[in-house]
Amino acid sequence: AAVLKKMNEPHFLMDSNPTAENIARLIYSFSKSKRLPVVSVK
């Protein structure tokens, strides 16, 4: 992350490992925060 920041490369930092499971949870949480009636994210 520090290397990418120094090089001004686009990146996104997560509190957890960027697994498919955690990315799905991230998108779900964002959708829920916008009051969408989301049930799941695959």
Full PDB file with SEQRES, HELIX, SHEET, SSBOND, CRYST1, ORIGX, SCALE, CONECT and MASTER records, all heavy atoms in Angstrom:
SEQRES   1 A   42  ALA ALA VAL LEU LYS LYS MET ASN GLU PRO HIS PHE LEU          
SEQRES   2 A   42  MET ASP SER ASN PRO THR ALA GLU ASN ILE ALA ARG LEU          
SEQRES   3 A   42  ILE TYR SER PHE SER LYS SER LYS ARG LEU PRO VAL VAL          
SEQRES   4 A   42  SER VAL LYS                                                  
HELIX    1 AA1 ALA A    2  LYS A    6  1                                   5    
HELIX    2 AA2 ALA A   20  SER A   33  1                                  14    
CRYST1    1.000    1.000    1.000  90.00  90.00  90.00 P 1           1          
ORIGX1      1.000000  0.000000  0.000000        0.00000                         
ORIGX2      0.000000  1.000000  0.000000        0.00000                         
ORIGX3      0.000000  0.000000  1.000000        0.00000                         
SCALE1      1.000000  0.000000  0.000000        0.00000                         
SCALE2      0.000000  1.000000  0.000000        0.00000                         
SCALE3      0.000000  0.000000  1.000000        0.00000                         
ATOM      1  N   ALA A   1       0.827  -1.212   0.000  1.00  0.00           N  
ATOM      2  CA  ALA A   1       0.000   0.000   0.000  1.00  0.00           C  
ATOM      3  C   ALA A   1       0.859   1.259   0.000  1.00  0.00           C  
ATOM      4  O   ALA A   1       0.574   2.220  -0.721  1.00  0.00           O  
ATOM      5  CB  ALA A   1      -0.943  -0.012   1.196  1.00  0.00           C  
ATOM      6  N   ALA A   2       1.923   1.259   0.786  1.00  0.00           N  
ATOM      7  CA  ALA A   2       2.819   2.427   0.841  1.00  0.00           C  
ATOM      8  C   ALA A   2       3.515   2.646  -0.501  1.00  0.00           C  
ATOM      9  O   ALA A   2       3.695   3.789  -0.934  1.00  0.00           O  
ATOM     10  CB  ALA A   2       3.841   2.256   1.958  1.00  0.00           C  
ATOM     11  N   VAL A   3       3.876   1.565  -1.155  1.00  0.00           N  
ATOM     12  CA  VAL A   3       4.537   1.659  -2.457  1.00  0.00           C  
ATOM     13  C   VAL A   3       3.585   2.252  -3.490  1.00  0.00           C  
ATOM     14  O   VAL A   3       3.945   3.170  -4.245  1.00  0.00           O  
ATOM     15  CB  VAL A   3       5.036   0.267  -2.915  1.00  0.00           C  
ATOM     16  CG1 VAL A   3       5.600   0.324  -4.323  1.00  0.00           C  
ATOM     17  CG2 VAL A   3       6.061  -0.288  -1.932  1.00  0.00           C  
ATOM     18  N   LEU A   4       2.352   1.748  -3.516  1.00  0.00           N  
ATOM     19  CA  LEU A   4       1.371   2.254  -4.476  1.00  0.00           C  
ATOM     20  C   LEU A   4       1.047   3.719  -4.215  1.00  0.00           C  
ATOM     21  O   LEU A   4       0.915   4.510  -5.152  1.00  0.00           O  
ATOM     22  CB  LEU A   4       0.102   1.408  -4.435  1.00  0.00           C  
ATOM     23  CG  LEU A   4       0.249  -0.031  -4.917  1.00  0.00           C  
ATOM     24  CD1 LEU A   4      -1.062  -0.784  -4.759  1.00  0.00           C  
ATOM     25  CD2 LEU A   4       0.725  -0.087  -6.352  1.00  0.00           C  
ATOM     26  N   LYS A   5       0.942   4.084  -2.937  1.00  0.00           N  
ATOM     27  CA  LYS A   5       0.666   5.472  -2.589  1.00  0.00           C  
ATOM     28  C   LYS A   5       1.799   6.374  -3.064  1.00  0.00           C  
ATOM     29  O   LYS A   5       1.556   7.427  -3.660  1.00  0.00           O  
ATOM     30  CB  LYS A   5       0.464   5.619  -1.083  1.00  0.00           C  
ATOM     31  CG  LYS A   5       0.098   7.021  -0.669  1.00  0.00           C  
ATOM     32  CD  LYS A   5      -0.177   7.117   0.815  1.00  0.00           C  
ATOM     33  CE  LYS A   5      -0.577   8.548   1.173  1.00  0.00           C  
ATOM     34  NZ  LYS A   5      -0.900   8.691   2.572  1.00  0.00           N  
ATOM     35  N   LYS A   6       3.023   5.959  -2.824  1.00  0.00           N  
ATOM     36  CA  LYS A   6       4.199   6.737  -3.230  1.00  0.00           C  
ATOM     37  C   LYS A   6       4.253   6.911  -4.749  1.00  0.00           C  
ATOM     38  O   LYS A   6       4.640   7.960  -5.255  1.00  0.00           O  
ATOM     39  CB  LYS A   6       5.472   6.068  -2.722  1.00  0.00           C  
ATOM     40  CG  LYS A   6       6.730   6.831  -3.025  1.00  0.00           C  
ATOM     41  CD  LYS A   6       7.942   6.154  -2.424  1.00  0.00           C  
ATOM     42  CE  LYS A   6       9.205   6.961  -2.720  1.00  0.00           C  
ATOM     43  NZ  LYS A   6      10.389   6.319  -2.162  1.00  0.00           N  
ATOM     44  N   MET A   7       3.831   5.880  -5.473  1.00  0.00           N  
ATOM     45  CA  MET A   7       3.847   5.916  -6.938  1.00  0.00           C  
ATOM     46  C   MET A   7       2.588   6.556  -7.523  1.00  0.00           C  
ATOM     47  O   MET A   7       2.435   6.632  -8.741  1.00  0.00           O  
ATOM     48  CB  MET A   7       4.012   4.493  -7.478  1.00  0.00           C  
ATOM     49  CG  MET A   7       5.342   3.866  -7.129  1.00  0.00           C  
ATOM     50  SD  MET A   7       5.469   2.166  -7.723  1.00  0.00           S  
ATOM     51  CE  MET A   7       5.410   2.421  -9.491  1.00  0.00           C  
ATOM     52  N   ASN A   8       1.679   6.978  -6.651  1.00  0.00           N  
ATOM     53  CA  ASN A   8       0.407   7.567  -7.074  1.00  0.00           C  
ATOM     54  C   ASN A   8      -0.413   6.608  -7.935  1.00  0.00           C  
ATOM     55  O   ASN A   8      -1.069   7.005  -8.897  1.00  0.00           O  
ATOM     56  CB  ASN A   8       0.628   8.901  -7.792  1.00  0.00           C  
ATOM     57  CG  ASN A   8      -0.618   9.765  -7.767  1.00  0.00           C  
ATOM     58  OD1 ASN A   8      -1.415   9.688  -6.843  1.00  0.00           O  
ATOM     59  ND2 ASN A   8      -0.775  10.591  -8.791  1.00  0.00           N  
ATOM     60  N   GLU A   9      -0.345   5.323  -7.575  1.00  0.00           N  
ATOM     61  CA  GLU A   9      -1.108   4.287  -8.280  1.00  0.00           C  
ATOM     62  C   GLU A   9      -2.461   4.107  -7.593  1.00  0.00           C  
ATOM     63  O   GLU A   9      -2.551   4.172  -6.362  1.00  0.00           O  
ATOM     64  CB  GLU A   9      -0.340   2.962  -8.269  1.00  0.00           C  
ATOM     65  CG  GLU A   9       0.853   2.927  -9.183  1.00  0.00           C  
ATOM     66  CD  GLU A   9       0.467   2.921 -10.656  1.00  0.00           C  
ATOM     67  OE1 GLU A   9      -0.569   2.340 -11.022  1.00  0.00           O  
ATOM     68  OE2 GLU A   9       1.214   3.527 -11.448  1.00  0.00           O  
ATOM     69  N   PRO A  10      -3.518   3.865  -8.360  1.00  0.00           N  
ATOM     70  CA  PRO A  10      -4.845   3.710  -7.767  1.00  0.00           C  
ATOM     71  C   PRO A  10      -4.956   2.435  -6.932  1.00  0.00           C  
ATOM     72  O   PRO A  10      -4.587   1.352  -7.391  1.00  0.00           O  
ATOM     73  CB  PRO A  10      -5.785   3.672  -8.966  1.00  0.00           C  
ATOM     74  CG  PRO A  10      -4.938   3.307 -10.127  1.00  0.00           C  
ATOM     75  CD  PRO A  10      -3.541   3.758  -9.820  1.00  0.00           C  
ATOM     76  N   HIS A  11      -5.448   2.587  -5.731  1.00  0.00           N  
ATOM     77  CA  HIS A  11      -5.632   1.441  -4.846  1.00  0.00           C  
ATOM     78  C   HIS A  11      -6.757   1.739  -3.857  1.00  0.00           C  
ATOM     79  O   HIS A  11      -7.162   2.887  -3.699  1.00  0.00           O  
ATOM     80  CB  HIS A  11      -4.339   1.087  -4.116  1.00  0.00           C  
ATOM     81  CG  HIS A  11      -3.803   2.175  -3.248  1.00  0.00           C  
ATOM     82  ND1 HIS A  11      -3.177   3.304  -3.753  1.00  0.00           N  
ATOM     83  CD2 HIS A  11      -3.802   2.316  -1.907  1.00  0.00           C  
ATOM     84  CE1 HIS A  11      -2.826   4.080  -2.754  1.00  0.00           C  
ATOM     85  NE2 HIS A  11      -3.194   3.514  -1.622  1.00  0.00           N  
ATOM     86  N   PHE A  12      -7.255   0.684  -3.242  1.00  0.00           N  
ATOM     87  CA  PHE A  12      -8.317   0.795  -2.249  1.00  0.00           C  
ATOM     88  C   PHE A  12      -7.924  -0.104  -1.082  1.00  0.00           C  
ATOM     89  O   PHE A  12      -7.631  -1.292  -1.279  1.00  0.00           O  
ATOM     90  CB  PHE A  12      -9.661   0.347  -2.832  1.00  0.00           C  
ATOM     91  CG  PHE A  12     -10.803   0.450  -1.866  1.00  0.00           C  
ATOM     92  CD1 PHE A  12     -11.461   1.656  -1.679  1.00  0.00           C  
ATOM     93  CD2 PHE A  12     -11.220  -0.659  -1.147  1.00  0.00           C  
ATOM     94  CE1 PHE A  12     -12.524   1.759  -0.790  1.00  0.00           C  
ATOM     95  CE2 PHE A  12     -12.273  -0.571  -0.250  1.00  0.00           C  
ATOM     96  CZ  PHE A  12     -12.922   0.642  -0.069  1.00  0.00           C  
ATOM     97  N   LEU A  13      -7.903   0.460   0.117  1.00  0.00           N  
ATOM     98  CA  LEU A  13      -7.482  -0.302   1.290  1.00  0.00           C  
ATOM     99  C   LEU A  13      -8.691  -0.823   2.055  1.00  0.00           C  
ATOM    100  O   LEU A  13      -9.656  -0.091   2.283  1.00  0.00           O  
ATOM    101  CB  LEU A  13      -6.620   0.575   2.203  1.00  0.00           C  
ATOM    102  CG  LEU A  13      -5.349   1.124   1.566  1.00  0.00           C  
ATOM    103  CD1 LEU A  13      -4.573   1.959   2.571  1.00  0.00           C  
ATOM    104  CD2 LEU A  13      -4.487   0.000   1.017  1.00  0.00           C  
ATOM    105  N   MET A  14      -8.597  -2.082   2.459  1.00  0.00           N  
ATOM    106  CA  MET A  14      -9.665  -2.732   3.205  1.00  0.00           C  
ATOM    107  C   MET A  14      -9.158  -3.102   4.595  1.00  0.00           C  
ATOM    108  O   MET A  14      -7.964  -3.328   4.782  1.00  0.00           O  
ATOM    109  CB  MET A  14     -10.138  -3.989   2.454  1.00  0.00           C  
ATOM    110  CG  MET A  14     -10.715  -3.672   1.084  1.00  0.00           C  
ATOM    111  SD  MET A  14     -11.241  -5.135   0.157  1.00  0.00           S  
ATOM    112  CE  MET A  14     -12.529  -5.785   1.208  1.00  0.00           C  
ATOM    113  N   ASP A  15     -10.058  -3.176   5.556  1.00  0.00           N  
ATOM    114  CA  ASP A  15      -9.702  -3.574   6.917  1.00  0.00           C  
ATOM    115  C   ASP A  15      -9.341  -5.049   6.997  1.00  0.00           C  
ATOM    116  O   ASP A  15      -8.715  -5.485   7.956  1.00  0.00           O  
ATOM    117  CB  ASP A  15     -10.850  -3.286   7.881  1.00  0.00           C  
ATOM    118  CG  ASP A  15     -11.072  -1.801   8.088  1.00  0.00           C  
ATOM    119  OD1 ASP A  15     -10.100  -1.025   7.969  1.00  0.00           O  
ATOM    120  OD2 ASP A  15     -12.221  -1.413   8.356  1.00  0.00           O  
ATOM    121  N   SER A  16      -9.741  -5.815   5.991  1.00  0.00           N  
ATOM    122  CA  SER A  16      -9.512  -7.260   5.981  1.00  0.00           C  
ATOM    123  C   SER A  16      -8.871  -7.656   4.651  1.00  0.00           C  
ATOM    124  O   SER A  16      -8.684  -6.820   3.771  1.00  0.00           O  
ATOM    125  CB  SER A  16     -10.842  -7.987   6.170  1.00  0.00           C  
ATOM    126  OG  SER A  16     -11.773  -7.533   5.206  1.00  0.00           O  
ATOM    127  N   ASN A  17      -8.539  -8.922   4.526  1.00  0.00           N  
ATOM    128  CA  ASN A  17      -8.003  -9.420   3.271  1.00  0.00           C  
ATOM    129  C   ASN A  17      -9.032  -9.182   2.160  1.00  0.00           C  
ATOM    130  O   ASN A  17     -10.227  -9.401   2.369  1.00  0.00           O  
ATOM    131  CB  ASN A  17      -7.691 -10.920   3.379  1.00  0.00           C  
ATOM    132  CG  ASN A  17      -6.215 -11.212   3.343  1.00  0.00           C  
ATOM    133  OD1 ASN A  17      -5.399 -10.355   3.035  1.00  0.00           O  
ATOM    134  ND2 ASN A  17      -5.862 -12.443   3.652  1.00  0.00           N  
ATOM    135  N   PRO A  18      -8.600  -8.751   0.974  1.00  0.00           N  
ATOM    136  CA  PRO A  18      -9.533  -8.486  -0.118  1.00  0.00           C  
ATOM    137  C   PRO A  18      -9.970  -9.762  -0.842  1.00  0.00           C  
ATOM    138  O   PRO A  18      -9.769  -9.928  -2.046  1.00  0.00           O  
ATOM    139  CB  PRO A  18      -8.736  -7.545  -1.023  1.00  0.00           C  
ATOM    140  CG  PRO A  18      -7.318  -7.956  -0.807  1.00  0.00           C  
ATOM    141  CD  PRO A  18      -7.236  -8.339   0.642  1.00  0.00           C  
ATOM    142  N   THR A  19     -10.579 -10.658  -0.088  1.00  0.00           N  
ATOM    143  CA  THR A  19     -11.111 -11.896  -0.660  1.00  0.00           C  
ATOM    144  C   THR A  19     -12.436 -11.598  -1.352  1.00  0.00           C  
ATOM    145  O   THR A  19     -13.058 -10.547  -1.130  1.00  0.00           O  
ATOM    146  CB  THR A  19     -11.353 -12.937   0.441  1.00  0.00           C  
ATOM    147  OG1 THR A  19     -12.317 -12.403   1.367  1.00  0.00           O  
ATOM    148  CG2 THR A  19     -10.063 -13.295   1.173  1.00  0.00           C  
ATOM    149  N   ALA A  20     -12.907 -12.530  -2.153  1.00  0.00           N  
ATOM    150  CA  ALA A  20     -14.213 -12.372  -2.798  1.00  0.00           C  
ATOM    151  C   ALA A  20     -15.302 -12.193  -1.740  1.00  0.00           C  
ATOM    152  O   ALA A  20     -16.220 -11.382  -1.912  1.00  0.00           O  
ATOM    153  CB  ALA A  20     -14.512 -13.575  -3.686  1.00  0.00           C  
ATOM    154  N   GLU A  21     -15.182 -12.925  -0.636  1.00  0.00           N  
ATOM    155  CA  GLU A  21     -16.168 -12.816   0.441  1.00  0.00           C  
ATOM    156  C   GLU A  21     -16.205 -11.407   1.029  1.00  0.00           C  
ATOM    157  O   GLU A  21     -17.285 -10.833   1.248  1.00  0.00           O  
ATOM    158  CB  GLU A  21     -15.850 -13.821   1.565  1.00  0.00           C  
ATOM    159  CG  GLU A  21     -15.985 -15.276   1.177  1.00  0.00           C  
ATOM    160  CD  GLU A  21     -14.724 -15.885   0.546  1.00  0.00           C  
ATOM    161  OE1 GLU A  21     -13.807 -15.131   0.127  1.00  0.00           O  
ATOM    162  OE2 GLU A  21     -14.659 -17.121   0.455  1.00  0.00           O  
ATOM    163  N   ASN A  22     -15.026 -10.857   1.287  1.00  0.00           N  
ATOM    164  CA  ASN A  22     -14.960  -9.524   1.891  1.00  0.00           C  
ATOM    165  C   ASN A  22     -15.340  -8.417   0.910  1.00  0.00           C  
ATOM    166  O   ASN A  22     -15.897  -7.398   1.314  1.00  0.00           O  
ATOM    167  CB  ASN A  22     -13.580  -9.277   2.487  1.00  0.00           C  
ATOM    168  CG  ASN A  22     -13.385 -10.055   3.771  1.00  0.00           C  
ATOM    169  OD1 ASN A  22     -14.318 -10.250   4.549  1.00  0.00           O  
ATOM    170  ND2 ASN A  22     -12.176 -10.514   4.005  1.00  0.00           N  
ATOM    171  N   ILE A  23     -15.054  -8.602  -0.360  1.00  0.00           N  
ATOM    172  CA  ILE A  23     -15.477  -7.619  -1.362  1.00  0.00           C  
ATOM    173  C   ILE A  23     -16.998  -7.647  -1.493  1.00  0.00           C  
ATOM    174  O   ILE A  23     -17.641  -6.598  -1.581  1.00  0.00           O  
ATOM    175  CB  ILE A  23     -14.779  -7.876  -2.711  1.00  0.00           C  
ATOM    176  CG1 ILE A  23     -13.264  -7.711  -2.563  1.00  0.00           C  
ATOM    177  CG2 ILE A  23     -15.326  -6.936  -3.786  1.00  0.00           C  
ATOM    178  CD1 ILE A  23     -12.460  -8.242  -3.736  1.00  0.00           C  
ATOM    179  N   ALA A  24     -17.590  -8.846  -1.476  1.00  0.00           N  
ATOM    180  CA  ALA A  24     -19.053  -8.957  -1.513  1.00  0.00           C  
ATOM    181  C   ALA A  24     -19.667  -8.251  -0.301  1.00  0.00           C  
ATOM    182  O   ALA A  24     -20.656  -7.521  -0.429  1.00  0.00           O  
ATOM    183  CB  ALA A  24     -19.474 -10.429  -1.559  1.00  0.00           C  
ATOM    184  N   ARG A  25     -19.077  -8.450   0.866  1.00  0.00           N  
ATOM    185  CA  ARG A  25     -19.592  -7.804   2.084  1.00  0.00           C  
ATOM    186  C   ARG A  25     -19.463  -6.283   1.989  1.00  0.00           C  
ATOM    187  O   ARG A  25     -20.356  -5.549   2.410  1.00  0.00           O  
ATOM    188  CB  ARG A  25     -18.849  -8.316   3.316  1.00  0.00           C  
ATOM    189  CG  ARG A  25     -19.325  -7.640   4.601  1.00  0.00           C  
ATOM    190  CD  ARG A  25     -18.714  -8.224   5.836  1.00  0.00           C  
ATOM    191  NE  ARG A  25     -17.257  -8.219   5.755  1.00  0.00           N  
ATOM    192  CZ  ARG A  25     -16.470  -8.788   6.654  1.00  0.00           C  
ATOM    193  NH1 ARG A  25     -16.983  -9.419   7.706  1.00  0.00           N  
ATOM    194  NH2 ARG A  25     -15.164  -8.745   6.524  1.00  0.00           N  
ATOM    195  N   LEU A  26     -18.362  -5.802   1.431  1.00  0.00           N  
ATOM    196  CA  LEU A  26     -18.154  -4.364   1.258  1.00  0.00           C  
ATOM    197  C   LEU A  26     -19.254  -3.755   0.386  1.00  0.00           C  
ATOM    198  O   LEU A  26     -19.845  -2.718   0.729  1.00  0.00           O  
ATOM    199  CB  LEU A  26     -16.779  -4.116   0.626  1.00  0.00           C  
ATOM    200  CG  LEU A  26     -16.438  -2.682   0.251  1.00  0.00           C  
ATOM    201  CD1 LEU A  26     -16.183  -1.854   1.504  1.00  0.00           C  
ATOM    202  CD2 LEU A  26     -15.223  -2.658  -0.662  1.00  0.00           C  
ATOM    203  N   ILE A  27     -19.546  -4.395  -0.738  1.00  0.00           N  
ATOM    204  CA  ILE A  27     -20.575  -3.889  -1.654  1.00  0.00           C  
ATOM    205  C   ILE A  27     -21.953  -3.984  -1.004  1.00  0.00           C  
ATOM    206  O   ILE A  27     -22.774  -3.069  -1.128  1.00  0.00           O  
ATOM    207  CB  ILE A  27     -20.519  -4.642  -2.999  1.00  0.00           C  
ATOM    208  CG1 ILE A  27     -19.180  -4.347  -3.696  1.00  0.00           C  
ATOM    209  CG2 ILE A  27     -21.696  -4.257  -3.895  1.00  0.00           C  
ATOM    210  CD1 ILE A  27     -18.872  -5.238  -4.883  1.00  0.00           C  
ATOM    211  N   TYR A  28     -22.213  -5.073  -0.284  1.00  0.00           N  
ATOM    212  CA  TYR A  28     -23.481  -5.215   0.443  1.00  0.00           C  
ATOM    213  C   TYR A  28     -23.643  -4.081   1.455  1.00  0.00           C  
ATOM    214  O   TYR A  28     -24.690  -3.419   1.501  1.00  0.00           O  
ATOM    215  CB  TYR A  28     -23.528  -6.570   1.161  1.00  0.00           C  
ATOM    216  CG  TYR A  28     -24.753  -6.728   2.021  1.00  0.00           C  
ATOM    217  CD1 TYR A  28     -25.891  -7.339   1.519  1.00  0.00           C  
ATOM    218  CD2 TYR A  28     -24.784  -6.254   3.331  1.00  0.00           C  
ATOM    219  CE1 TYR A  28     -27.030  -7.469   2.304  1.00  0.00           C  
ATOM    220  CE2 TYR A  28     -25.909  -6.373   4.112  1.00  0.00           C  
ATOM    221  CZ  TYR A  28     -27.036  -6.988   3.592  1.00  0.00           C  
ATOM    222  OH  TYR A  28     -28.157  -7.091   4.365  1.00  0.00           O  
ATOM    223  N   SER A  29     -22.624  -3.849   2.257  1.00  0.00           N  
ATOM    224  CA  SER A  29     -22.696  -2.817   3.306  1.00  0.00           C  
ATOM    225  C   SER A  29     -22.913  -1.435   2.708  1.00  0.00           C  
ATOM    226  O   SER A  29     -23.697  -0.638   3.229  1.00  0.00           O  
ATOM    227  CB  SER A  29     -21.425  -2.830   4.157  1.00  0.00           C  
ATOM    228  OG  SER A  29     -21.309  -4.049   4.832  1.00  0.00           O  
ATOM    229  N   PHE A  30     -22.234  -1.149   1.610  1.00  0.00           N  
ATOM    230  CA  PHE A  30     -22.442   0.137   0.954  1.00  0.00           C  
ATOM    231  C   PHE A  30     -23.888   0.248   0.474  1.00  0.00           C  
ATOM    232  O   PHE A  30     -24.547   1.280   0.681  1.00  0.00           O  
ATOM    233  CB  PHE A  30     -21.481   0.339  -0.216  1.00  0.00           C  
ATOM    234  CG  PHE A  30     -21.774   1.606  -0.960  1.00  0.00           C  
ATOM    235  CD1 PHE A  30     -21.314   2.821  -0.480  1.00  0.00           C  
ATOM    236  CD2 PHE A  30     -22.555   1.589  -2.105  1.00  0.00           C  
ATOM    237  CE1 PHE A  30     -21.622   4.003  -1.138  1.00  0.00           C  
ATOM    238  CE2 PHE A  30     -22.872   2.759  -2.769  1.00  0.00           C  
ATOM    239  CZ  PHE A  30     -22.398   3.970  -2.280  1.00  0.00           C  
ATOM    240  N   SER A  31     -24.386  -0.799  -0.179  1.00  0.00           N  
ATOM    241  CA  SER A  31     -25.763  -0.788  -0.701  1.00  0.00           C  
ATOM    242  C   SER A  31     -26.770  -0.570   0.417  1.00  0.00           C  
ATOM    243  O   SER A  31     -27.715   0.211   0.281  1.00  0.00           O  
ATOM    244  CB  SER A  31     -26.061  -2.099  -1.427  1.00  0.00           C  
ATOM    245  OG  SER A  31     -25.157  -2.294  -2.488  1.00  0.00           O  
ATOM    246  N   LYS A  32     -26.558  -1.267   1.527  1.00  0.00           N  
ATOM    247  CA  LYS A  32     -27.442  -1.129   2.686  1.00  0.00           C  
ATOM    248  C   LYS A  32     -27.384   0.295   3.240  1.00  0.00           C  
ATOM    249  O   LYS A  32     -28.411   0.858   3.617  1.00  0.00           O  
ATOM    250  CB  LYS A  32     -27.021  -2.142   3.753  1.00  0.00           C  
ATOM    251  CG  LYS A  32     -28.094  -2.606   4.671  1.00  0.00           C  
ATOM    252  CD  LYS A  32     -29.202  -3.302   3.932  1.00  0.00           C  
ATOM    253  CE  LYS A  32     -30.017  -4.171   4.847  1.00  0.00           C  
ATOM    254  NZ  LYS A  32     -31.296  -4.540   4.255  1.00  0.00           N  
ATOM    255  N   SER A  33     -26.195   0.886   3.278  1.00  0.00           N  
ATOM    256  CA  SER A  33     -26.047   2.246   3.801  1.00  0.00           C  
ATOM    257  C   SER A  33     -26.793   3.268   2.944  1.00  0.00           C  
ATOM    258  O   SER A  33     -27.134   4.349   3.424  1.00  0.00           O  
ATOM    259  CB  SER A  33     -24.568   2.639   3.903  1.00  0.00           C  
ATOM    260  OG  SER A  33     -24.035   2.982   2.638  1.00  0.00           O  
ATOM    261  N   LYS A  34     -27.056   2.928   1.700  1.00  0.00           N  
ATOM    262  CA  LYS A  34     -27.807   3.806   0.802  1.00  0.00           C  
ATOM    263  C   LYS A  34     -29.303   3.455   0.787  1.00  0.00           C  
ATOM    264  O   LYS A  34     -30.040   3.901  -0.083  1.00  0.00           O  
ATOM    265  CB  LYS A  34     -27.227   3.736  -0.620  1.00  0.00           C  
ATOM    266  CG  LYS A  34     -25.811   4.248  -0.702  1.00  0.00           C  
ATOM    267  CD  LYS A  34     -25.721   5.681  -0.217  1.00  0.00           C  
ATOM    268  CE  LYS A  34     -24.319   6.233  -0.276  1.00  0.00           C  
ATOM    269  NZ  LYS A  34     -24.220   7.568   0.281  1.00  0.00           N  
ATOM    270  N   ARG A  35     -29.695   2.632   1.751  1.00  0.00           N  
ATOM    271  CA  ARG A  35     -31.105   2.257   1.958  1.00  0.00           C  
ATOM    272  C   ARG A  35     -31.709   1.458   0.809  1.00  0.00           C  
ATOM    273  O   ARG A  35     -32.913   1.494   0.588  1.00  0.00           O  
ATOM    274  CB  ARG A  35     -31.952   3.467   2.283  1.00  0.00           C  
ATOM    275  CG  ARG A  35     -31.514   4.139   3.559  1.00  0.00           C  
ATOM    276  CD  ARG A  35     -32.379   5.298   3.920  1.00  0.00           C  
ATOM    277  NE  ARG A  35     -32.032   5.728   5.261  1.00  0.00           N  
ATOM    278  CZ  ARG A  35     -32.903   5.877   6.234  1.00  0.00           C  
ATOM    279  NH1 ARG A  35     -34.168   5.659   6.026  1.00  0.00           N  
ATOM    280  NH2 ARG A  35     -32.494   6.249   7.424  1.00  0.00           N  
ATOM    281  N   LEU A  36     -30.881   0.757   0.079  1.00  0.00           N  
ATOM    282  CA  LEU A  36     -31.389  -0.143  -0.943  1.00  0.00           C  
ATOM    283  C   LEU A  36     -31.839  -1.434  -0.255  1.00  0.00           C  
ATOM    284  O   LEU A  36     -31.197  -1.878   0.704  1.00  0.00           O  
ATOM    285  CB  LEU A  36     -30.302  -0.442  -1.982  1.00  0.00           C  
ATOM    286  CG  LEU A  36     -29.915   0.729  -2.878  1.00  0.00           C  
ATOM    287  CD1 LEU A  36     -28.695   0.374  -3.722  1.00  0.00           C  
ATOM    288  CD2 LEU A  36     -31.078   1.125  -3.775  1.00  0.00           C  
ATOM    289  N   PRO A  37     -32.899  -2.061  -0.739  1.00  0.00           N  
ATOM    290  CA  PRO A  37     -33.397  -3.286  -0.106  1.00  0.00           C  
ATOM    291  C   PRO A  37     -32.587  -4.524  -0.519  1.00  0.00           C  
ATOM    292  O   PRO A  37     -33.128  -5.506  -1.027  1.00  0.00           O  
ATOM    293  CB  PRO A  37     -34.848  -3.352  -0.580  1.00  0.00           C  
ATOM    294  CG  PRO A  37     -34.821  -2.714  -1.932  1.00  0.00           C  
ATOM    295  CD  PRO A  37     -33.801  -1.604  -1.815  1.00  0.00           C  
ATOM    296  N   VAL A  38     -31.291  -4.459  -0.295  1.00  0.00           N  
ATOM    297  CA  VAL A  38     -30.384  -5.525  -0.714  1.00  0.00           C  
ATOM    298  C   VAL A  38     -30.532  -6.733   0.201  1.00  0.00           C  
ATOM    299  O   VAL A  38     -30.639  -6.605   1.417  1.00  0.00           O  
ATOM    300  CB  VAL A  38     -28.929  -5.023  -0.773  1.00  0.00           C  
ATOM    301  CG1 VAL A  38     -28.431  -4.570   0.580  1.00  0.00           C  
ATOM    302  CG2 VAL A  38     -28.001  -6.071  -1.332  1.00  0.00           C  
ATOM    303  N   VAL A  39     -30.554  -7.904  -0.409  1.00  0.00           N  
ATOM    304  CA  VAL A  39     -30.635  -9.177   0.310  1.00  0.00           C  
ATOM    305  C   VAL A  39     -29.266  -9.840   0.345  1.00  0.00           C  
ATOM    306  O   VAL A  39     -28.840 -10.375   1.353  1.00  0.00           O  
ATOM    307  CB  VAL A  39     -31.653 -10.124  -0.362  1.00  0.00           C  
ATOM    308  CG1 VAL A  39     -31.636 -11.501   0.270  1.00  0.00           C  
ATOM    309  CG2 VAL A  39     -33.039  -9.517  -0.329  1.00  0.00           C  
ATOM    310  N   SER A  40     -28.583  -9.776  -0.810  1.00  0.00           N  
ATOM    311  CA  SER A  40     -27.269 -10.410  -0.902  1.00  0.00           C  
ATOM    312  C   SER A  40     -26.477  -9.805  -2.048  1.00  0.00           C  
ATOM    313  O   SER A  40     -27.041  -9.184  -2.950  1.00  0.00           O  
ATOM    314  CB  SER A  40     -27.398 -11.925  -1.110  1.00  0.00           C  
ATOM    315  OG  SER A  40     -27.965 -12.207  -2.367  1.00  0.00           O  
ATOM    316  N   VAL A  41     -25.165 -10.018  -1.964  1.00  0.00           N  
ATOM    317  CA  VAL A  41     -24.271  -9.654  -3.065  1.00  0.00           C  
ATOM    318  C   VAL A  41     -23.441 -10.887  -3.371  1.00  0.00           C  
ATOM    319  O   VAL A  41     -22.837 -11.486  -2.475  1.00  0.00           O  
ATOM    320  CB  VAL A  41     -23.360  -8.461  -2.711  1.00  0.00           C  
ATOM    321  CG1 VAL A  41     -22.297  -8.254  -3.791  1.00  0.00           C  
ATOM    322  CG2 VAL A  41     -24.182  -7.190  -2.520  1.00  0.00           C  
ATOM    323  N   LYS A  42     -23.435 -11.253  -4.636  1.00  0.00           N  
ATOM    324  CA  LYS A  42     -22.611 -12.357  -5.122  1.00  0.00           C  
ATOM    325  C   LYS A  42     -21.472 -11.744  -5.913  1.00  0.00           C  
ATOM    326  O   LYS A  42     -21.713 -10.984  -6.851  1.00  0.00           O  
ATOM    327  CB  LYS A  42     -23.440 -13.281  -6.012  1.00  0.00           C  
ATOM    328  CG  LYS A  42     -22.690 -14.497  -6.528  1.00  0.00           C  
ATOM    329  CD  LYS A  42     -23.533 -15.334  -7.482  1.00  0.00           C  
ATOM    330  CE  LYS A  42     -24.657 -16.009  -6.757  1.00  0.00           C  
ATOM    331  NZ  LYS A  42     -25.427 -16.920  -7.662  1.00  0.00           N  
TER     332      LYS A  42                                                      
MASTER        0    0    0    2    0    0    0    6  331    1    0    4          
END                                                                             
